[in-house]
C-alpha cells in the first residue's frame, strides 16, 4: 500500500478524477449499494475524515469559487457534528 499500513477496519472512499465539483455527487460502493460519498459518510459514525484532493483542483478560473465549493464540501462532511475533517495536500511520488 502506497500510504503505509492503515489500522484494520479503515474505510476509504475514493473516486478516480474526484474534485470539489463532483465530491457531493460521485457514486461509491458502500456495502451492497451505490451512494454518494456524503451519503456514505452519514451512514457511519466516523470520528475523523481526511480529505485529499490533488491535481484535479488545478486550473480553477476563480479562486473564490473554488474556496466556496471546497467549504461547502467540508460543511457536508462535518454534518454529523462530532466528525472532524482534515484536509491533506497530496505528496509527490
N, C-alpha and C. Protein backbone atom coordinates (compact mmCIF):
# COMPACT_ATOMS: atom_id res chain seq x y z
N UNK A 1 0.85 -1.17 0.00
CA UNK A 1 0.00 0.00 0.00
C UNK A 1 0.90 1.24 0.00
N UNK A 2 0.59 2.16 -0.84
CA UNK A 2 1.44 3.33 -1.02
C UNK A 2 1.49 4.24 0.21
N UNK A 3 0.45 4.30 1.00
CA UNK A 3 0.41 5.21 2.14
C UNK A 3 0.80 4.55 3.45
N UNK A 4 1.30 3.35 3.39
CA UNK A 4 1.72 2.66 4.60
C UNK A 4 0.61 1.79 5.16
N UNK A 5 0.84 1.28 6.34
CA UNK A 5 -0.12 0.38 6.97
C UNK A 5 -1.22 1.19 7.66
N UNK A 6 -2.45 0.86 7.33
CA UNK A 6 -3.60 1.52 7.94
C UNK A 6 -4.22 0.58 8.96
N UNK A 7 -4.82 1.13 10.01
CA UNK A 7 -5.46 0.27 11.01
C UNK A 7 -6.56 -0.60 10.40
N UNK A 8 -6.73 -1.78 10.96
CA UNK A 8 -7.79 -2.67 10.50
C UNK A 8 -9.14 -1.96 10.63
N UNK A 9 -9.98 -2.12 9.63
CA UNK A 9 -11.29 -1.51 9.64
C UNK A 9 -11.32 -0.10 9.06
N UNK A 10 -10.18 0.39 8.56
CA UNK A 10 -10.14 1.71 7.96
C UNK A 10 -11.00 1.73 6.70
N UNK A 11 -11.80 2.76 6.53
CA UNK A 11 -12.68 2.90 5.38
C UNK A 11 -12.12 3.95 4.44
N UNK A 12 -12.08 3.63 3.14
CA UNK A 12 -11.62 4.56 2.12
C UNK A 12 -12.76 4.81 1.14
N UNK A 13 -13.00 6.05 0.82
CA UNK A 13 -13.90 6.40 -0.27
C UNK A 13 -13.05 7.12 -1.30
N UNK A 14 -12.86 6.52 -2.43
CA UNK A 14 -12.00 7.09 -3.47
C UNK A 14 -12.67 6.96 -4.82
N UNK A 15 -12.51 7.99 -5.63
CA UNK A 15 -13.07 8.01 -6.97
C UNK A 15 -12.03 8.63 -7.89
N UNK A 16 -11.73 7.95 -8.98
CA UNK A 16 -10.78 8.49 -9.94
C UNK A 16 -11.32 9.80 -10.51
N UNK A 17 -10.49 10.84 -10.49
CA UNK A 17 -10.89 12.14 -11.04
C UNK A 17 -11.74 12.98 -10.10
N UNK A 18 -11.84 12.59 -8.85
CA UNK A 18 -12.68 13.31 -7.89
C UNK A 18 -12.17 14.74 -7.69
N UNK A 19 -13.08 15.68 -7.61
CA UNK A 19 -12.74 17.06 -7.27
C UNK A 19 -13.89 17.68 -6.49
N UNK A 20 -13.75 18.94 -6.07
CA UNK A 20 -14.78 19.55 -5.24
C UNK A 20 -16.12 19.67 -5.96
N UNK A 21 -16.11 19.73 -7.28
CA UNK A 21 -17.37 19.78 -8.04
C UNK A 21 -18.10 18.46 -8.03
N UNK A 22 -17.38 17.35 -7.99
CA UNK A 22 -18.00 16.03 -8.10
C UNK A 22 -18.08 15.27 -6.78
N UNK A 23 -17.45 15.77 -5.74
CA UNK A 23 -17.38 15.03 -4.48
C UNK A 23 -18.76 14.79 -3.85
N UNK A 24 -19.69 15.71 -4.04
CA UNK A 24 -21.02 15.54 -3.45
C UNK A 24 -21.92 14.63 -4.28
N UNK A 25 -21.55 14.37 -5.53
CA UNK A 25 -22.43 13.57 -6.39
C UNK A 25 -21.78 12.28 -6.90
N UNK A 26 -20.47 12.15 -6.77
CA UNK A 26 -19.79 10.94 -7.25
C UNK A 26 -20.28 9.72 -6.48
N UNK A 27 -20.50 8.62 -7.18
CA UNK A 27 -21.02 7.40 -6.58
C UNK A 27 -19.88 6.49 -6.13
N UNK A 28 -20.05 5.92 -4.93
CA UNK A 28 -19.11 4.95 -4.38
C UNK A 28 -19.89 3.71 -3.96
N UNK A 29 -19.20 2.61 -3.80
CA UNK A 29 -19.83 1.39 -3.32
C UNK A 29 -19.76 1.37 -1.81
N UNK A 30 -20.91 1.29 -1.14
CA UNK A 30 -20.97 1.20 0.32
C UNK A 30 -21.78 -0.04 0.65
N UNK A 31 -21.07 -1.11 0.93
CA UNK A 31 -21.74 -2.39 1.13
C UNK A 31 -22.34 -2.86 -0.17
N UNK A 32 -23.64 -3.04 -0.21
CA UNK A 32 -24.34 -3.52 -1.40
C UNK A 32 -24.86 -2.39 -2.28
N UNK A 33 -24.74 -1.14 -1.82
CA UNK A 33 -25.37 -0.03 -2.52
C UNK A 33 -24.38 0.96 -3.11
N UNK A 34 -24.83 1.65 -4.14
CA UNK A 34 -24.12 2.79 -4.70
C UNK A 34 -24.69 4.04 -4.05
N UNK A 35 -23.84 4.82 -3.41
CA UNK A 35 -24.27 6.06 -2.75
C UNK A 35 -23.24 7.14 -3.03
N UNK A 36 -23.59 8.38 -2.73
CA UNK A 36 -22.59 9.44 -2.84
C UNK A 36 -21.64 9.35 -1.65
N UNK A 37 -20.51 9.99 -1.77
CA UNK A 37 -19.55 9.99 -0.65
C UNK A 37 -20.19 10.61 0.59
N UNK A 38 -20.89 11.71 0.42
CA UNK A 38 -21.52 12.35 1.58
C UNK A 38 -22.57 11.44 2.22
N UNK A 39 -23.34 10.71 1.41
CA UNK A 39 -24.31 9.76 1.95
C UNK A 39 -23.59 8.65 2.70
N UNK A 40 -22.49 8.15 2.12
CA UNK A 40 -21.70 7.10 2.78
C UNK A 40 -21.16 7.56 4.12
N UNK A 41 -20.70 8.80 4.18
CA UNK A 41 -20.18 9.33 5.44
C UNK A 41 -21.26 9.42 6.50
N UNK A 42 -22.48 9.73 6.11
CA UNK A 42 -23.58 9.85 7.06
C UNK A 42 -24.03 8.49 7.61
N UNK A 43 -23.72 7.43 6.90
CA UNK A 43 -24.15 6.09 7.31
C UNK A 43 -23.29 5.50 8.42
N UNK A 44 -22.15 6.09 8.66
CA UNK A 44 -21.20 5.55 9.63
C UNK A 44 -20.84 6.62 10.66
N UNK A 45 -20.42 6.19 11.82
CA UNK A 45 -20.05 7.13 12.89
C UNK A 45 -18.54 7.39 12.85
N UNK A 46 -18.10 8.09 11.81
CA UNK A 46 -16.68 8.42 11.70
C UNK A 46 -16.34 9.54 12.67
N UNK A 47 -15.21 9.41 13.34
CA UNK A 47 -14.73 10.48 14.21
C UNK A 47 -13.84 11.44 13.43
N UNK A 48 -13.13 10.91 12.45
CA UNK A 48 -12.23 11.72 11.65
C UNK A 48 -12.40 11.38 10.17
N UNK A 49 -12.33 12.40 9.33
CA UNK A 49 -12.38 12.22 7.89
C UNK A 49 -11.22 13.01 7.30
N UNK A 50 -10.41 12.36 6.50
CA UNK A 50 -9.29 13.01 5.83
C UNK A 50 -9.66 13.22 4.37
N UNK A 51 -9.52 14.44 3.90
CA UNK A 51 -9.85 14.80 2.52
C UNK A 51 -8.54 15.07 1.79
N UNK A 52 -8.32 14.34 0.69
CA UNK A 52 -7.12 14.57 -0.10
C UNK A 52 -7.52 14.67 -1.56
N UNK A 53 -7.55 15.88 -2.05
CA UNK A 53 -7.84 16.15 -3.45
C UNK A 53 -6.56 16.67 -4.07
N UNK A 54 -6.28 16.28 -5.28
CA UNK A 54 -4.98 16.62 -5.86
C UNK A 54 -5.02 17.48 -7.08
N UNK A 55 -4.34 17.04 -8.12
CA UNK A 55 -4.13 17.86 -9.31
C UNK A 55 -5.42 18.18 -10.04
N UNK A 56 -6.49 17.48 -9.77
CA UNK A 56 -7.77 17.82 -10.39
C UNK A 56 -8.28 19.19 -9.93
N UNK A 57 -7.67 19.74 -8.91
CA UNK A 57 -8.07 21.05 -8.40
C UNK A 57 -7.27 22.18 -9.02
N UNK A 58 -6.32 21.87 -9.87
CA UNK A 58 -5.54 22.92 -10.53
C UNK A 58 -6.34 23.54 -11.66
N UNK A 59 -6.13 24.80 -11.91
CA UNK A 59 -6.72 25.43 -13.07
C UNK A 59 -8.10 26.02 -12.87
N UNK A 60 -8.54 26.23 -11.65
CA UNK A 60 -9.82 26.88 -11.44
C UNK A 60 -9.74 28.31 -11.96
N UNK A 61 -10.74 28.74 -12.68
CA UNK A 61 -10.76 30.11 -13.22
C UNK A 61 -10.98 31.13 -12.11
N UNK A 62 -11.68 30.73 -11.05
CA UNK A 62 -11.97 31.65 -9.96
C UNK A 62 -11.55 31.02 -8.63
N UNK A 63 -10.60 31.63 -7.98
CA UNK A 63 -10.15 31.16 -6.67
C UNK A 63 -11.30 31.22 -5.66
N UNK A 64 -12.11 32.26 -5.74
CA UNK A 64 -13.23 32.41 -4.80
C UNK A 64 -14.27 31.30 -4.97
N UNK A 65 -14.53 30.91 -6.22
CA UNK A 65 -15.47 29.82 -6.47
C UNK A 65 -14.94 28.52 -5.89
N UNK A 66 -13.66 28.25 -6.11
CA UNK A 66 -13.04 27.04 -5.56
C UNK A 66 -13.16 27.03 -4.04
N UNK A 67 -12.82 28.14 -3.40
CA UNK A 67 -12.87 28.21 -1.94
C UNK A 67 -14.30 27.98 -1.44
N UNK A 68 -15.27 28.58 -2.09
CA UNK A 68 -16.68 28.42 -1.69
C UNK A 68 -17.12 26.97 -1.82
N UNK A 69 -16.77 26.32 -2.93
CA UNK A 69 -17.20 24.93 -3.14
C UNK A 69 -16.46 23.97 -2.21
N UNK A 70 -15.19 24.24 -1.96
CA UNK A 70 -14.44 23.40 -1.02
C UNK A 70 -15.04 23.55 0.38
N UNK A 71 -15.40 24.77 0.75
CA UNK A 71 -16.04 25.00 2.04
C UNK A 71 -17.36 24.27 2.17
N UNK A 72 -18.15 24.27 1.10
CA UNK A 72 -19.43 23.53 1.10
C UNK A 72 -19.19 22.04 1.28
N UNK A 73 -18.16 21.52 0.62
CA UNK A 73 -17.82 20.10 0.76
C UNK A 73 -17.46 19.79 2.21
N UNK A 74 -16.61 20.61 2.82
CA UNK A 74 -16.22 20.38 4.21
C UNK A 74 -17.41 20.51 5.15
N UNK A 75 -18.32 21.45 4.86
CA UNK A 75 -19.53 21.58 5.67
C UNK A 75 -20.36 20.30 5.59
N UNK A 76 -20.47 19.72 4.40
CA UNK A 76 -21.22 18.48 4.22
C UNK A 76 -20.58 17.31 4.93
N UNK A 77 -19.27 17.27 4.95
CA UNK A 77 -18.55 16.19 5.65
C UNK A 77 -18.76 16.30 7.15
N UNK A 78 -18.76 17.50 7.67
CA UNK A 78 -18.87 17.70 9.11
C UNK A 78 -20.28 17.65 9.64
N UNK A 79 -21.25 17.23 8.81
CA UNK A 79 -22.65 17.25 9.23
C UNK A 79 -22.93 16.39 10.45
N UNK A 80 -22.39 15.17 10.57
CA UNK A 80 -22.52 14.71 11.94
C UNK A 80 -21.55 15.59 12.73
N UNK A 81 -22.05 16.40 13.62
CA UNK A 81 -21.27 17.48 14.22
C UNK A 81 -20.03 17.02 14.98
N UNK A 82 -19.95 15.76 15.30
CA UNK A 82 -18.77 15.27 16.03
C UNK A 82 -17.66 14.80 15.11
N UNK A 83 -17.88 14.92 13.82
CA UNK A 83 -16.87 14.50 12.86
C UNK A 83 -15.88 15.62 12.64
N UNK A 84 -14.60 15.31 12.76
CA UNK A 84 -13.54 16.28 12.49
C UNK A 84 -13.00 15.96 11.10
N UNK A 85 -12.87 17.00 10.27
CA UNK A 85 -12.32 16.77 8.94
C UNK A 85 -10.96 17.43 8.84
N UNK A 86 -10.07 16.78 8.09
CA UNK A 86 -8.71 17.25 7.89
C UNK A 86 -8.47 17.31 6.39
N UNK A 87 -7.89 18.38 5.93
CA UNK A 87 -7.54 18.45 4.52
C UNK A 87 -6.06 18.14 4.39
N UNK A 88 -5.72 17.37 3.35
CA UNK A 88 -4.34 16.94 3.14
C UNK A 88 -3.90 17.34 1.75
N UNK A 89 -2.67 17.74 1.65
CA UNK A 89 -2.10 18.03 0.36
C UNK A 89 -1.43 16.76 -0.15
N UNK A 90 -1.69 16.36 -1.39
CA UNK A 90 -1.07 15.12 -1.88
C UNK A 90 0.44 15.30 -2.00
N UNK A 91 1.16 14.25 -1.66
CA UNK A 91 2.61 14.30 -1.78
C UNK A 91 3.02 13.84 -3.17
N UNK A 92 4.09 14.38 -3.66
CA UNK A 92 4.61 13.97 -4.97
C UNK A 92 5.40 12.70 -4.81
N UNK A 93 5.21 11.77 -5.72
CA UNK A 93 5.94 10.49 -5.65
C UNK A 93 7.04 10.47 -6.66
